Protein backbone atom coordinates (compact mmCIF):
# COMPACT_ATOMS: atom_id res chain seq x y z
CA UNK A 1 69.05 89.91 -125.51
CA UNK A 2 72.33 88.06 -126.42
CA UNK A 3 75.40 89.45 -127.81
CA UNK A 4 76.99 87.72 -130.55
CA UNK A 5 80.88 88.36 -129.57
CA UNK A 6 82.96 91.21 -127.81
CA UNK A 7 81.68 92.22 -124.55
CA UNK A 8 78.62 94.51 -123.01
CA UNK A 9 79.02 97.95 -123.15
CA UNK A 10 76.65 98.90 -120.50
CA UNK A 11 74.80 101.46 -123.30
CA UNK A 12 71.00 101.14 -123.99
CA UNK A 13 70.88 100.07 -127.70
CA UNK A 14 69.04 101.99 -130.35
CA UNK A 15 65.51 101.00 -131.03
CA UNK A 16 65.67 98.00 -133.63
CA UNK A 17 63.82 98.64 -136.99
CA UNK A 18 63.97 95.38 -138.77
CA UNK A 19 63.97 95.25 -142.43
CA UNK A 20 61.82 92.91 -144.57
CA UNK A 21 63.93 90.21 -146.42
CA UNK A 22 64.72 90.77 -150.07
CA UNK A 23 65.66 87.97 -152.61
CA UNK A 24 68.12 88.92 -155.16
CA UNK A 25 69.03 86.60 -158.28
CA UNK A 26 72.86 87.20 -158.97
CA UNK A 27 73.79 86.75 -162.89
CA UNK A 28 77.56 87.04 -162.55
CA UNK A 29 80.02 84.98 -160.44
CA UNK A 30 79.37 85.36 -156.69
CA UNK A 31 80.37 83.43 -153.63
CA UNK A 32 79.08 85.32 -150.23
CA UNK A 33 81.21 83.00 -148.03
CA UNK A 34 84.53 83.22 -150.36
CA UNK A 35 84.02 86.99 -150.28
CA UNK A 36 83.52 87.61 -146.57
CA UNK A 37 85.83 85.11 -145.38
CA UNK A 38 89.01 85.82 -147.50
CA UNK A 39 90.33 87.98 -144.93
CA UNK A 40 89.94 91.28 -146.74
CA UNK A 41 87.23 92.67 -144.14
CA UNK A 42 86.89 91.63 -140.48
CA UNK A 43 83.37 92.40 -139.10
CA UNK A 44 81.18 89.82 -141.10
CA UNK A 45 80.33 87.35 -138.70
CA UNK A 46 78.43 84.10 -139.52
CA UNK A 47 75.67 83.11 -137.24
CA UNK A 48 73.81 79.83 -138.40
CA UNK A 49 73.42 80.15 -142.17
CA UNK A 50 73.57 83.77 -142.39
CA UNK A 51 76.39 86.86 -142.28
CA UNK A 52 75.86 90.04 -140.48
CA UNK A 53 77.91 93.17 -140.87
CA UNK A 54 77.61 96.62 -139.51
CA UNK A 55 77.90 98.91 -142.06
CA UNK A 56 78.00 102.61 -141.18
CA UNK A 57 74.89 102.86 -138.71
CA UNK A 58 73.07 99.68 -140.46
CA UNK A 59 73.24 95.95 -140.04
CA UNK A 60 73.41 93.95 -143.16
CA UNK A 61 71.91 90.40 -142.82
CA UNK A 62 72.62 88.06 -145.94
CA UNK A 63 72.74 84.60 -146.88
CA UNK A 64 73.05 82.93 -150.34
CA UNK A 65 71.67 79.96 -151.78
CA UNK A 66 72.85 79.06 -155.29
CA UNK A 67 72.48 82.18 -157.06
CA UNK A 68 70.21 83.92 -154.81
CA UNK A 69 70.97 86.23 -152.22
CA UNK A 70 68.44 86.67 -149.18
CA UNK A 71 69.03 89.99 -147.54
CA UNK A 72 67.41 92.38 -145.06
CA UNK A 73 68.82 95.71 -143.56
CA UNK A 74 68.12 97.01 -139.98
CA UNK A 75 67.01 100.17 -139.99
CA UNK A 76 65.10 99.24 -143.24
CA UNK A 77 65.55 101.16 -146.50
CA UNK A 78 63.02 99.55 -148.57
CA UNK A 79 63.94 96.79 -151.43
CA UNK A 80 65.88 99.19 -153.78
CA UNK A 81 67.89 100.44 -150.52
CA UNK A 82 69.06 97.05 -149.49
CA UNK A 83 69.64 96.19 -153.24
CA UNK A 84 71.53 99.39 -153.86
CA UNK A 85 73.76 98.57 -150.92
CA UNK A 86 74.52 95.17 -151.64
CA UNK A 87 75.61 96.09 -155.29
CA UNK A 88 77.84 98.60 -153.45
CA UNK A 89 79.31 96.47 -150.89
CA UNK A 90 80.23 93.56 -153.22
CA UNK A 91 81.20 95.96 -156.26
CA UNK A 92 78.49 94.45 -158.55
CA UNK A 93 79.12 97.39 -160.96
CA UNK A 94 82.75 95.96 -161.91
CA UNK A 95 82.31 94.31 -165.08
CA UNK A 96 83.69 90.94 -163.52
CA UNK A 97 83.77 89.08 -166.53
CA UNK A 98 86.05 91.38 -168.52
CA UNK A 99 88.28 92.04 -165.25
CA UNK A 100 88.73 87.82 -165.32
CA UNK A 101 89.66 88.07 -168.91
CA UNK A 102 92.27 91.00 -168.39
CA UNK A 103 93.98 89.27 -165.26
CA UNK A 104 93.93 85.86 -166.99
CA UNK A 105 97.55 85.94 -168.52
CA UNK A 106 99.16 83.16 -167.58
CA UNK A 107 98.06 79.39 -166.50
CA UNK A 108 98.46 80.33 -162.67
CA UNK A 109 95.83 83.01 -162.30
CA UNK A 110 93.95 81.43 -164.72
CA UNK A 111 93.79 78.19 -162.54
CA UNK A 112 93.14 80.44 -159.66
CA UNK A 113 90.33 82.39 -161.31
CA UNK A 114 88.82 79.24 -162.05
CA UNK A 115 89.33 77.95 -158.35
CA UNK A 116 87.84 80.92 -156.73
CA UNK A 117 85.49 82.65 -159.62
CA UNK A 118 83.15 83.81 -156.95
CA UNK A 119 85.44 85.75 -154.86
CA UNK A 120 84.90 89.30 -155.00
CA UNK A 121 86.63 92.55 -153.68
CA UNK A 122 84.67 93.94 -150.81
CA UNK A 123 84.02 98.09 -150.92
CA UNK A 124 84.76 98.98 -147.33
CA UNK A 125 84.48 102.37 -145.52
CA UNK A 126 87.56 104.02 -146.25
CA UNK A 127 88.23 105.16 -142.03
CA UNK A 128 87.20 101.96 -140.98
CA UNK A 129 89.52 100.13 -143.41
CA UNK A 130 92.22 102.38 -142.37
CA UNK A 131 92.11 101.72 -138.74
CA UNK A 132 91.59 97.91 -139.50
CA UNK A 133 94.71 97.66 -141.50
CA UNK A 134 96.70 99.98 -138.97
CA UNK A 135 95.24 96.61 -136.35
CA UNK A 136 96.76 94.44 -138.95
CA UNK A 137 100.25 95.63 -138.53
CA UNK A 138 102.37 92.39 -137.41
CA UNK A 139 99.00 90.40 -136.53
CA UNK A 140 96.68 87.97 -137.87
CA UNK A 141 93.07 87.52 -138.72
CA UNK A 142 91.79 86.44 -135.29
CA UNK A 143 93.48 89.26 -133.52
CA UNK A 144 92.14 91.98 -136.03
CA UNK A 145 88.77 90.88 -135.61
CA UNK A 146 88.91 91.01 -131.82
CA UNK A 147 90.91 94.19 -132.08
CA UNK A 148 88.14 95.98 -134.27
CA UNK A 149 85.34 94.48 -132.32
CA UNK A 150 86.89 95.69 -128.92
CA UNK A 151 87.50 99.31 -130.57
CA UNK A 152 83.83 99.13 -131.65
CA UNK A 153 82.45 98.04 -128.33
CA UNK A 154 84.41 100.71 -126.34
CA UNK A 155 83.86 103.88 -128.76
CA UNK A 156 81.13 102.76 -131.04
CA UNK A 157 77.36 102.82 -130.41
CA UNK A 158 75.12 99.90 -129.31
CA UNK A 159 72.50 98.71 -132.04
CA UNK A 160 70.53 95.56 -132.10
CA UNK A 161 69.03 93.29 -134.85
CA UNK A 162 67.59 89.61 -134.41
CA UNK A 163 67.57 89.76 -130.93
CA UNK A 164 71.51 90.39 -131.04
CA UNK A 165 73.53 93.39 -129.93
CA UNK A 166 76.17 94.71 -132.29
CA UNK A 167 78.46 97.97 -132.11
CA UNK A 168 79.06 100.98 -134.90
CA UNK A 169 82.28 101.29 -135.87
CA UNK A 170 83.90 104.45 -133.70
CA UNK A 171 83.79 107.74 -135.51
CA UNK A 172 87.03 109.96 -136.20
CA UNK A 173 86.08 112.35 -133.51
CA UNK A 174 85.59 109.48 -130.86
CA UNK A 175 88.83 108.16 -131.22
CA UNK A 176 90.53 111.53 -131.70
CA UNK A 177 89.24 112.53 -128.38
CA UNK A 178 90.36 109.02 -126.83
CA UNK A 179 93.89 109.00 -125.12
CA UNK A 180 96.78 106.59 -126.38
CA UNK A 181 96.85 105.10 -122.58
CA UNK A 182 92.99 104.29 -123.38
CA UNK A 183 93.56 102.41 -126.39
CA UNK A 184 96.49 100.58 -125.20
CA UNK A 185 93.91 99.26 -122.39
CA UNK A 186 92.20 97.59 -125.50
CA UNK A 187 95.39 95.43 -126.14
CA UNK A 188 96.21 96.99 -129.10
CA UNK A 189 99.87 97.54 -128.04
CA UNK A 190 101.84 99.75 -130.36
CA UNK A 191 99.13 100.09 -133.00
CA UNK A 192 97.43 102.36 -130.54
CA UNK A 193 99.66 105.11 -131.28
CA UNK A 194 99.09 104.60 -135.07
CA UNK A 195 95.32 104.81 -134.52
CA UNK A 196 95.38 107.79 -132.41
CA UNK A 197 97.78 109.54 -134.92
CA UNK A 198 95.37 108.67 -137.92
CA UNK A 199 92.37 109.88 -135.96
CA UNK A 200 93.78 113.22 -134.61
CA UNK A 201 95.24 114.24 -138.14
CA UNK A 202 92.25 113.63 -140.09
CA UNK A 203 90.16 115.67 -137.50
CA UNK A 204 92.68 118.29 -137.14
CA UNK A 205 93.62 118.53 -140.77
CA UNK A 206 90.20 118.14 -142.45
CA UNK A 207 91.41 115.23 -144.52
CA UNK A 208 88.78 113.45 -146.48
CA UNK A 209 89.55 110.08 -146.94
CA UNK A 210 86.78 109.78 -149.60
CA UNK A 211 88.28 112.25 -151.71
CA UNK A 212 91.09 109.93 -152.27
CA UNK A 213 88.63 107.95 -154.68
CA UNK A 214 88.96 110.76 -157.19
CA UNK A 215 92.67 111.02 -156.99
CA UNK A 216 95.05 108.68 -159.13
CA UNK A 217 96.46 106.00 -157.62
CA UNK A 218 100.35 107.14 -156.93
CA UNK A 219 99.08 110.35 -155.52
CA UNK A 220 96.45 108.53 -153.11
CA UNK A 221 99.22 106.10 -152.35
CA UNK A 222 101.79 108.76 -151.23
CA UNK A 223 99.09 110.57 -149.34
CA UNK A 224 98.28 107.53 -147.30
CA UNK A 225 101.75 106.76 -146.44
CA UNK A 226 102.21 110.00 -145.08
CA UNK A 227 100.06 108.97 -141.95
CA UNK A 228 102.36 107.19 -139.08
CA UNK A 229 102.20 103.64 -139.34
CA UNK A 230 101.14 103.21 -142.75
CA UNK A 231 103.74 101.59 -145.00
CA UNK A 232 103.19 100.24 -148.66
CA UNK A 233 101.06 96.99 -147.65
CA UNK A 234 98.75 98.86 -145.28
CA UNK A 235 98.34 101.63 -147.94
CA UNK A 236 97.49 99.35 -150.84
CA UNK A 237 94.96 97.39 -148.63
CA UNK A 238 93.04 100.43 -148.12
CA UNK A 239 93.43 101.86 -151.59
CA UNK A 240 92.02 98.52 -152.92
CA UNK A 241 89.43 97.52 -150.33
CA UNK A 242 87.94 100.96 -149.61
CA UNK A 243 89.06 103.34 -152.34
CA UNK A 244 88.20 101.75 -155.63
CA UNK A 245 92.15 101.39 -156.95
CA UNK A 246 91.79 98.08 -158.25
CA UNK A 247 95.45 98.18 -159.54
CA UNK A 248 96.95 98.20 -155.93
CA UNK A 249 98.68 95.09 -155.14
CA UNK A 250 99.15 94.47 -151.11
CA UNK A 251 102.16 92.51 -150.66
CA UNK A 252 103.12 91.22 -147.15
CA UNK A 253 105.55 88.42 -146.28
CA UNK A 254 103.33 85.69 -147.39
CA UNK A 255 102.15 87.29 -150.73
CA UNK A 256 106.02 88.04 -151.42
CA UNK A 257 107.10 84.47 -150.88
CA UNK A 258 103.92 83.20 -152.82
CA UNK A 259 105.04 85.19 -156.11
CA UNK A 260 108.61 84.34 -155.58
CA UNK A 261 107.63 80.69 -155.60
CA UNK A 262 105.08 80.89 -158.33
CA UNK A 263 106.77 82.88 -160.83
CA UNK A 264 110.66 83.33 -159.91
CA UNK A 265 111.47 79.69 -158.69
CA UNK A 266 111.71 80.98 -155.42
CA UNK A 267 114.25 83.91 -155.97
CA UNK A 268 114.16 86.28 -153.47
CA UNK A 269 112.67 89.66 -154.30
CA UNK A 270 112.29 92.95 -152.45
CA UNK A 271 108.55 93.49 -151.58
CA UNK A 272 108.81 97.00 -154.02
CA UNK A 273 109.89 94.93 -156.86
CA UNK A 274 107.05 92.41 -156.33
CA UNK A 275 104.86 95.34 -156.45
CA UNK A 276 106.17 96.70 -159.56
CA UNK A 277 106.13 93.46 -161.30
CA UNK A 278 102.50 92.97 -160.34
CA UNK A 279 101.47 96.22 -161.61
CA UNK A 280 103.06 95.40 -165.09
CA UNK A 281 102.07 91.78 -165.32
CA UNK A 282 98.48 92.23 -164.37
CA UNK A 283 97.69 95.64 -165.07
CA UNK A 284 94.81 97.57 -164.13
CA UNK A 285 93.03 94.90 -162.11
CA UNK A 286 96.07 93.47 -160.17
CA UNK A 287 94.08 94.03 -157.05
CA UNK A 288 91.72 91.18 -158.37
CA UNK A 289 94.48 88.89 -159.15
CA UNK A 290 96.26 89.12 -155.69
CA UNK A 291 92.74 88.19 -154.09
CA UNK A 292 92.26 85.37 -156.45
CA UNK A 293 95.77 84.20 -156.41
CA UNK A 294 96.25 84.09 -152.74
CA UNK A 295 92.95 83.24 -150.77
CA UNK A 296 94.36 81.63 -147.77
CA UNK A 297 94.20 77.93 -148.12
CA UNK A 298 96.15 78.26 -151.48
CA UNK A 299 98.98 80.75 -150.22
CA UNK A 300 99.21 78.40 -147.13
CA UNK A 301 99.90 75.36 -149.42
CA UNK A 302 102.32 77.20 -151.43
CA UNK A 303 104.15 78.63 -148.51
CA UNK A 304 104.08 75.42 -146.45
CA UNK A 305 105.54 73.54 -149.43
CA UNK A 306 108.44 75.98 -149.91
CA UNK A 307 111.90 75.04 -149.40
CA UNK A 308 112.94 75.70 -145.91
CA UNK A 309 109.22 75.63 -144.69
CA UNK A 310 108.97 73.69 -141.29
CA UNK A 311 105.50 71.88 -141.97
CA UNK A 312 105.55 70.99 -137.76
CA UNK A 313 105.22 74.95 -137.48
CA UNK A 314 101.58 76.17 -137.61
CA UNK A 315 101.30 78.87 -140.31
CA UNK A 316 99.51 82.02 -139.03
CA UNK A 317 96.20 82.89 -140.33
CA UNK A 318 96.63 85.31 -143.28
CA UNK A 319 96.25 89.05 -143.75
């Protein structure tokens, strides 16, 4: 049996219960590759023509041919269970046509929507999303993926699918019980402190991250930024990608620079002003606008062509 990535945990994997493959016809704009490879989620792994992702204690296997998705789940939950999971993860409950219409307020975003029309926001587990974006601080996509996998290998449970070994994401309690020293041994650096602090606070104070979905944006934002290490960008990522706050507009230095170049003739603006502007300009679905505008290659092209950029200097992977 082979492992797709990471290192062997030494634990015996749970028994595999492979589900039957189902076919799903997608009637709305959807591009699986764009959605899982744009840098919003870090546990989607392509093997051959299939993508595998650990979702809780289940593994989803999925591929796309035109408007048809082929998917299976382990452990199997039956046709409607797999169908429901796909719809939830890829937000097929969103009225994407209305969203596209509402955010297409200028030629720049309209062009980006046409270019990446099938890009969808992925709905993630809030705990996994919070830890993943704590790992993202001053980092890049390849490193974040490795950090998340090392955490899962060390503190998750091993499960198998298609002869491949995977690890579930660590529970709050497993990371709360781990020492900061143990986490630093996974090459997390200063991020280990933030992850340990978040896990212990959630455990000790009984914080229910899912309850933030029922809060307004500002209230949920303020609660998240009370966590050690969580600034506006990390908070907005967690709100957008796991807590259904589609108005969230995460701003890192690359997004900030792109907004300055695209909309303000290169004039420098504080990140807080970029967030305020995006909220006013794109409205309730600013998060979707962010994804369409700043999908990797587009943003890299914008930043690379900006005044003062050095073409000979490789750009880091974008988050």
